[in-house]
């Protein structure tokens, strides 16, 4: 190998080392690092309008119009596929902007199934509304279930904002799910969500 070729190889190796060092110590937000670099979450928050017609059931399947869900899905949902969408990682967030006139008690409904198999017998999701835990959704098998919980009017933010956080107790590596190659962990397969006045 000539001295010129050797110098070129050394220069390329130093460049690669520099890129690796930058990736390891990049000056980015914790959310960015967790999503893009460490890949420990599927929840990279984005700005959403929260625009929603109270009482509407939103279907997450790929053959359904997605604009309405795009208005409320802050983070945590994988792309839709036939039948619904996976929660991508241990958490997901939704925002519903109902307006200042919304002062009634509400009910939040979610139809989903757990990623249940021989190793994971049950999945549970802690549900928070505007930062306060209000209940738990329980999925003891792989069947679709509609779970619901009441949101008291006193929990609404000024302006009628309802932020709902789903935090999974257990998740599964995506490589155990058929056709998935993502290193993040998957949990619930969500078919629909709905927020409505309590009857």
C-alpha atoms as a PDB file:
ATOM      1  CA  UNK A   1       0.000   0.000   0.000  1.00  0.00           C
ATOM      2  CA  UNK A   2       1.389   3.372  -0.955  1.00  0.00           C
ATOM      3  CA  UNK A   3       1.793   6.190   1.543  1.00  0.00           C
ATOM      4  CA  UNK A   4      -0.933   8.132  -0.242  1.00  0.00           C
ATOM      5  CA  UNK A   5      -3.431   5.212   0.018  1.00  0.00           C
ATOM      6  CA  UNK A   6      -2.521   4.683   3.659  1.00  0.00           C
ATOM      7  CA  UNK A   7      -3.092   8.386   4.418  1.00  0.00           C
ATOM      8  CA  UNK A   8      -6.498   8.216   2.695  1.00  0.00           C
ATOM      9  CA  UNK A   9      -7.527   5.158   4.749  1.00  0.00           C
ATOM     10  CA  UNK A  10      -6.430   6.858   7.977  1.00  0.00           C
ATOM     11  CA  UNK A  11      -8.335  10.011   7.025  1.00  0.00           C
ATOM     12  CA  UNK A  12     -11.502   8.010   6.316  1.00  0.00           C
ATOM     13  CA  UNK A  13     -11.170   6.132   9.621  1.00  0.00           C
ATOM     14  CA  UNK A  14     -10.802   9.407  11.514  1.00  0.00           C
ATOM     15  CA  UNK A  15     -13.886  10.780   9.762  1.00  0.00           C
ATOM     16  CA  UNK A  16     -15.918   7.704  10.754  1.00  0.00           C
ATOM     17  CA  UNK A  17     -14.675   7.993  14.344  1.00  0.00           C
ATOM     18  CA  UNK A  18     -15.712  11.644  14.390  1.00  0.00           C
ATOM     19  CA  UNK A  19     -19.213  10.810  13.170  1.00  0.00           C
ATOM     20  CA  UNK A  20     -19.582   8.087  15.797  1.00  0.00           C
ATOM     21  CA  UNK A  21     -18.399  10.449  18.532  1.00  0.00           C
ATOM     22  CA  UNK A  22     -20.913  13.077  17.381  1.00  0.00           C
ATOM     23  CA  UNK A  23     -23.752  10.556  17.378  1.00  0.00           C
ATOM     24  CA  UNK A  24     -22.837   9.406  20.883  1.00  0.00           C
ATOM     25  CA  UNK A  25     -22.670  12.937  22.298  1.00  0.00           C
ATOM     26  CA  UNK A  26     -25.089  14.870  20.095  1.00  0.00           C
ATOM     27  CA  UNK A  27     -26.542  17.985  21.737  1.00  0.00           C
ATOM     28  CA  UNK A  28     -30.213  17.130  21.276  1.00  0.00           C
ATOM     29  CA  UNK A  29     -33.325  17.098  23.441  1.00  0.00           C
ATOM     30  CA  UNK A  30     -34.025  14.035  25.618  1.00  0.00           C
ATOM     31  CA  UNK A  31     -37.099  13.241  23.490  1.00  0.00           C
ATOM     32  CA  UNK A  32     -35.058  13.380  20.269  1.00  0.00           C
ATOM     33  CA  UNK A  33     -32.331  11.157  21.754  1.00  0.00           C
ATOM     34  CA  UNK A  34     -34.822   8.582  23.053  1.00  0.00           C
ATOM     35  CA  UNK A  35     -36.657   8.406  19.714  1.00  0.00           C
ATOM     36  CA  UNK A  36     -33.900   8.668  17.074  1.00  0.00           C
ATOM     37  CA  UNK A  37     -30.652   7.624  18.779  1.00  0.00           C
ATOM     38  CA  UNK A  38     -31.441   5.264  21.685  1.00  0.00           C
ATOM     39  CA  UNK A  39     -34.729   4.097  20.087  1.00  0.00           C
ATOM     40  CA  UNK A  40     -36.222   3.497  23.543  1.00  0.00           C
ATOM     41  CA  UNK A  41     -39.527   5.234  22.822  1.00  0.00           C
ATOM     42  CA  UNK A  42     -41.990   5.591  19.999  1.00  0.00           C
ATOM     43  CA  UNK A  43     -43.230   8.883  21.411  1.00  0.00           C
ATOM     44  CA  UNK A  44     -41.650  11.895  19.722  1.00  0.00           C
ATOM     45  CA  UNK A  45     -44.186  14.645  20.514  1.00  0.00           C
ATOM     46  CA  UNK A  46     -45.506  16.721  17.626  1.00  0.00           C
ATOM     47  CA  UNK A  47     -47.819  19.688  17.547  1.00  0.00           C
ATOM     48  CA  UNK A  48     -51.427  18.752  16.837  1.00  0.00           C
ATOM     49  CA  UNK A  49     -54.543  20.888  16.686  1.00  0.00           C
ATOM     50  CA  UNK A  50     -56.647  18.519  18.786  1.00  0.00           C
ATOM     51  CA  UNK A  51     -59.557  19.290  16.460  1.00  0.00           C
ATOM     52  CA  UNK A  52     -62.227  16.705  17.163  1.00  0.00           C
ATOM     53  CA  UNK A  53     -66.000  16.372  16.909  1.00  0.00           C
ATOM     54  CA  UNK A  54     -67.164  15.136  20.313  1.00  0.00           C
ATOM     55  CA  UNK A  55     -68.701  11.667  20.115  1.00  0.00           C
ATOM     56  CA  UNK A  56     -66.951  10.627  16.872  1.00  0.00           C
ATOM     57  CA  UNK A  57     -65.407   7.147  16.815  1.00  0.00           C
ATOM     58  CA  UNK A  58     -62.053   7.342  15.026  1.00  0.00           C
ATOM     59  CA  UNK A  59     -60.917   4.147  13.325  1.00  0.00           C
ATOM     60  CA  UNK A  60     -57.155   3.718  13.002  1.00  0.00           C
ATOM     61  CA  UNK A  61     -57.165   1.162  10.153  1.00  0.00           C
ATOM     62  CA  UNK A  62     -55.199   2.040   7.024  1.00  0.00           C
ATOM     63  CA  UNK A  63     -58.295   1.979   4.823  1.00  0.00           C
ATOM     64  CA  UNK A  64     -60.002   4.693   6.915  1.00  0.00           C
ATOM     65  CA  UNK A  65     -59.572   8.468   6.487  1.00  0.00           C
ATOM     66  CA  UNK A  66     -56.667   9.389   8.783  1.00  0.00           C
ATOM     67  CA  UNK A  67     -56.927  13.181   8.874  1.00  0.00           C
ATOM     68  CA  UNK A  68     -59.141  13.193  11.967  1.00  0.00           C
ATOM     69  CA  UNK A  69     -56.710  10.965  13.877  1.00  0.00           C
ATOM     70  CA  UNK A  70     -53.756  13.031  12.656  1.00  0.00           C
ATOM     71  CA  UNK A  71     -55.380  16.000  14.429  1.00  0.00           C
ATOM     72  CA  UNK A  72     -55.289  14.259  17.838  1.00  0.00           C
ATOM     73  CA  UNK A  73     -52.319  11.825  17.744  1.00  0.00           C
ATOM     74  CA  UNK A  74     -49.419  13.565  19.525  1.00  0.00           C
ATOM     75  CA  UNK A  75     -47.139  10.519  19.498  1.00  0.00           C
ATOM     76  CA  UNK A  76     -46.721   6.809  20.108  1.00  0.00           C
ATOM     77  CA  UNK A  77     -48.724   5.250  17.270  1.00  0.00           C
ATOM     78  CA  UNK A  78     -47.119   3.317  14.421  1.00  0.00           C
ATOM     79  CA  UNK A  79     -48.460   3.662  10.899  1.00  0.00           C
ATOM     80  CA  UNK A  80     -51.880   2.150  10.389  1.00  0.00           C
ATOM     81  CA  UNK A  81     -52.292  -1.307   8.914  1.00  0.00           C
ATOM     82  CA  UNK A  82     -55.357  -3.455   8.258  1.00  0.00           C
ATOM     83  CA  UNK A  83     -57.497  -3.393  11.379  1.00  0.00           C
ATOM     84  CA  UNK A  84     -55.729  -0.675  13.384  1.00  0.00           C
ATOM     85  CA  UNK A  85     -52.363   0.655  14.576  1.00  0.00           C
ATOM     86  CA  UNK A  86     -49.780  -0.513  17.142  1.00  0.00           C
ATOM     87  CA  UNK A  87     -48.712   1.566  20.096  1.00  0.00           C
ATOM     88  CA  UNK A  88     -45.030   1.934  19.302  1.00  0.00           C
ATOM     89  CA  UNK A  89     -43.151   1.835  22.587  1.00  0.00           C
ATOM     90  CA  UNK A  90     -44.321   2.122  26.182  1.00  0.00           C
ATOM     91  CA  UNK A  91     -46.380   5.293  25.805  1.00  0.00           C
ATOM     92  CA  UNK A  92     -48.744   7.185  23.520  1.00  0.00           C
ATOM     93  CA  UNK A  93     -50.486  10.540  23.744  1.00  0.00           C
ATOM     94  CA  UNK A  94     -53.700  11.993  22.358  1.00  0.00           C
ATOM     95  CA  UNK A  95     -55.044  15.555  22.498  1.00  0.00           C
ATOM     96  CA  UNK A  96     -58.692  16.558  22.163  1.00  0.00           C
ATOM     97  CA  UNK A  97     -59.487  20.289  21.910  1.00  0.00           C
ATOM     98  CA  UNK A  98     -63.148  20.634  22.855  1.00  0.00           C
ATOM     99  CA  UNK A  99     -63.406  24.379  23.395  1.00  0.00           C
ATOM    100  CA  UNK A 100     -64.208  26.409  26.525  1.00  0.00           C
ATOM    101  CA  UNK A 101     -67.913  25.529  26.421  1.00  0.00           C
ATOM    102  CA  UNK A 102     -67.174  21.856  27.214  1.00  0.00           C
ATOM    103  CA  UNK A 103     -67.822  21.503  30.949  1.00  0.00           C
ATOM    104  CA  UNK A 104     -69.616  18.145  31.121  1.00  0.00           C
ATOM    105  CA  UNK A 105     -68.231  14.848  32.362  1.00  0.00           C
ATOM    106  CA  UNK A 106     -66.800  12.772  29.516  1.00  0.00           C
ATOM    107  CA  UNK A 107     -66.159   9.124  28.747  1.00  0.00           C
ATOM    108  CA  UNK A 108     -63.045   7.955  26.859  1.00  0.00           C
ATOM    109  CA  UNK A 109     -63.344   4.673  24.954  1.00  0.00           C
ATOM    110  CA  UNK A 110     -60.614   2.667  23.269  1.00  0.00           C
ATOM    111  CA  UNK A 111     -61.057  -0.583  21.368  1.00  0.00           C
ATOM    112  CA  UNK A 112     -57.809  -2.558  21.354  1.00  0.00           C
ATOM    113  CA  UNK A 113     -56.204  -5.925  21.929  1.00  0.00           C
ATOM    114  CA  UNK A 114     -52.987  -6.873  23.672  1.00  0.00           C
ATOM    115  CA  UNK A 115     -49.982  -8.484  22.002  1.00  0.00           C
ATOM    116  CA  UNK A 116     -50.562 -11.670  23.986  1.00  0.00           C
ATOM    117  CA  UNK A 117     -48.666 -14.925  23.519  1.00  0.00           C
ATOM    118  CA  UNK A 118     -47.185 -17.746  25.633  1.00  0.00           C
ATOM    119  CA  UNK A 119     -44.643 -15.413  27.253  1.00  0.00           C
ATOM    120  CA  UNK A 120     -46.845 -12.349  27.826  1.00  0.00           C
ATOM    121  CA  UNK A 121     -50.202 -13.336  29.316  1.00  0.00           C
ATOM    122  CA  UNK A 122     -51.687  -9.910  30.080  1.00  0.00           C
ATOM    123  CA  UNK A 123     -51.148  -6.270  29.186  1.00  0.00           C
ATOM    124  CA  UNK A 124     -52.209  -3.191  31.096  1.00  0.00           C
ATOM    125  CA  UNK A 125     -52.188   0.495  30.228  1.00  0.00           C
ATOM    126  CA  UNK A 126     -52.242   3.237  32.825  1.00  0.00           C
ATOM    127  CA  UNK A 127     -54.437   6.103  31.582  1.00  0.00           C
ATOM    128  CA  UNK A 128     -53.742   9.719  32.590  1.00  0.00           C
ATOM    129  CA  UNK A 129     -55.830  12.761  31.776  1.00  0.00           C
ATOM    130  CA  UNK A 130     -54.089  16.145  31.860  1.00  0.00           C
ATOM    131  CA  UNK A 131     -51.326  14.662  34.013  1.00  0.00           C
ATOM    132  CA  UNK A 132     -53.514  12.799  36.529  1.00  0.00           C
ATOM    133  CA  UNK A 133     -53.887   9.006  36.513  1.00  0.00           C
ATOM    134  CA  UNK A 134     -57.583   8.166  36.168  1.00  0.00           C
ATOM    135  CA  UNK A 135     -57.578   4.419  35.600  1.00  0.00           C
ATOM    136  CA  UNK A 136     -56.178   1.294  34.023  1.00  0.00           C
ATOM    137  CA  UNK A 137     -57.120  -0.543  30.833  1.00  0.00           C
ATOM    138  CA  UNK A 138     -56.645  -4.299  31.188  1.00  0.00           C
ATOM    139  CA  UNK A 139     -56.149  -6.751  28.302  1.00  0.00           C
ATOM    140  CA  UNK A 140     -56.042 -10.319  29.682  1.00  0.00           C
ATOM    141  CA  UNK A 141     -56.067 -11.997  26.268  1.00  0.00           C
ATOM    142  CA  UNK A 142     -55.513 -11.303  22.570  1.00  0.00           C
ATOM    143  CA  UNK A 143     -59.155 -10.417  21.846  1.00  0.00           C
ATOM    144  CA  UNK A 144     -60.392  -6.933  20.974  1.00  0.00           C
ATOM    145  CA  UNK A 145     -62.026  -5.238  23.959  1.00  0.00           C
ATOM    146  CA  UNK A 146     -63.639  -1.829  24.307  1.00  0.00           C
ATOM    147  CA  UNK A 147     -62.432  -0.257  27.546  1.00  0.00           C
ATOM    148  CA  UNK A 148     -63.805   2.998  28.890  1.00  0.00           C
ATOM    149  CA  UNK A 149     -63.310   5.410  31.750  1.00  0.00           C
ATOM    150  CA  UNK A 150     -64.967   8.547  33.011  1.00  0.00           C
ATOM    151  CA  UNK A 151     -63.259  11.952  32.880  1.00  0.00           C
ATOM    152  CA  UNK A 152     -64.785  14.379  35.398  1.00  0.00           C
ATOM    153  CA  UNK A 153     -65.386  17.896  34.024  1.00  0.00           C
ATOM    154  CA  UNK A 154     -63.138  19.375  36.770  1.00  0.00           C
ATOM    155  CA  UNK A 155     -60.139  17.701  35.077  1.00  0.00           C
ATOM    156  CA  UNK A 156     -60.496  19.657  31.829  1.00  0.00           C
ATOM    157  CA  UNK A 157     -57.835  22.266  31.124  1.00  0.00           C
ATOM    158  CA  UNK A 158     -58.896  25.847  30.540  1.00  0.00           C
ATOM    159  CA  UNK A 159     -59.978  26.066  26.938  1.00  0.00           C
ATOM    160  CA  UNK A 160     -61.376  22.533  27.037  1.00  0.00           C
ATOM    161  CA  UNK A 161     -58.140  20.629  26.349  1.00  0.00           C
ATOM    162  CA  UNK A 162     -58.063  16.920  27.144  1.00  0.00           C
ATOM    163  CA  UNK A 163     -54.591  15.317  26.931  1.00  0.00           C
ATOM    164  CA  UNK A 164     -54.721  11.540  27.357  1.00  0.00           C
ATOM    165  CA  UNK A 165     -51.520   9.586  28.059  1.00  0.00           C
ATOM    166  CA  UNK A 166     -51.384   5.792  27.773  1.00  0.00           C
ATOM    167  CA  UNK A 167     -48.453   4.206  29.610  1.00  0.00           C
ATOM    168  CA  UNK A 168     -47.942   0.487  29.118  1.00  0.00           C
ATOM    169  CA  UNK A 169     -46.922  -1.747  32.003  1.00  0.00           C
ATOM    170  CA  UNK A 170     -45.481  -4.404  29.625  1.00  0.00           C
ATOM    171  CA  UNK A 171     -44.413  -4.261  25.987  1.00  0.00           C
ATOM    172  CA  UNK A 172     -43.071  -6.771  23.468  1.00  0.00           C
ATOM    173  CA  UNK A 173     -40.059  -6.527  21.193  1.00  0.00           C
ATOM    174  CA  UNK A 174     -41.311  -5.728  17.702  1.00  0.00           C
ATOM    175  CA  UNK A 175     -39.248  -8.559  16.201  1.00  0.00           C
ATOM    176  CA  UNK A 176     -41.601 -11.041  17.895  1.00  0.00           C
ATOM    177  CA  UNK A 177     -44.529  -9.623  15.923  1.00  0.00           C
ATOM    178  CA  UNK A 178     -45.033 -10.926  12.413  1.00  0.00           C
ATOM    179  CA  UNK A 179     -43.486  -8.691   9.773  1.00  0.00           C
ATOM    180  CA  UNK A 180     -42.060  -6.114  12.215  1.00  0.00           C
ATOM    181  CA  UNK A 181     -38.404  -5.082  11.971  1.00  0.00           C
ATOM    182  CA  UNK A 182     -38.434  -2.065  14.314  1.00  0.00           C
ATOM    183  CA  UNK A 183     -36.194  -2.227  17.399  1.00  0.00           C
ATOM    184  CA  UNK A 184     -38.777  -0.370  19.493  1.00  0.00           C
ATOM    185  CA  UNK A 185     -41.200  -2.356  21.620  1.00  0.00           C
ATOM    186  CA  UNK A 186     -44.851  -2.736  20.661  1.00  0.00           C
ATOM    187  CA  UNK A 187     -47.801  -3.172  22.989  1.00  0.00           C
ATOM    188  CA  UNK A 188     -51.460  -2.617  22.131  1.00  0.00           C
ATOM    189  CA  UNK A 189     -53.073  -2.921  18.726  1.00  0.00           C
ATOM    190  CA  UNK A 190     -55.637  -0.103  18.729  1.00  0.00           C
ATOM    191  CA  UNK A 191     -58.689  -0.278  16.495  1.00  0.00           C
ATOM    192  CA  UNK A 192     -60.573   2.886  17.530  1.00  0.00           C
ATOM    193  CA  UNK A 193     -60.782   5.729  20.043  1.00  0.00           C
ATOM    194  CA  UNK A 194     -63.739   7.889  21.058  1.00  0.00           C
ATOM    195  CA  UNK A 195     -64.422  10.740  23.482  1.00  0.00           C
ATOM    196  CA  UNK A 196     -68.068  11.478  24.248  1.00  0.00           C
ATOM    197  CA  UNK A 197     -70.287  13.168  26.840  1.00  0.00           C
ATOM    198  CA  UNK A 198     -71.126  10.891  29.759  1.00  0.00           C
ATOM    199  CA  UNK A 199     -74.716   9.734  29.366  1.00  0.00           C
END
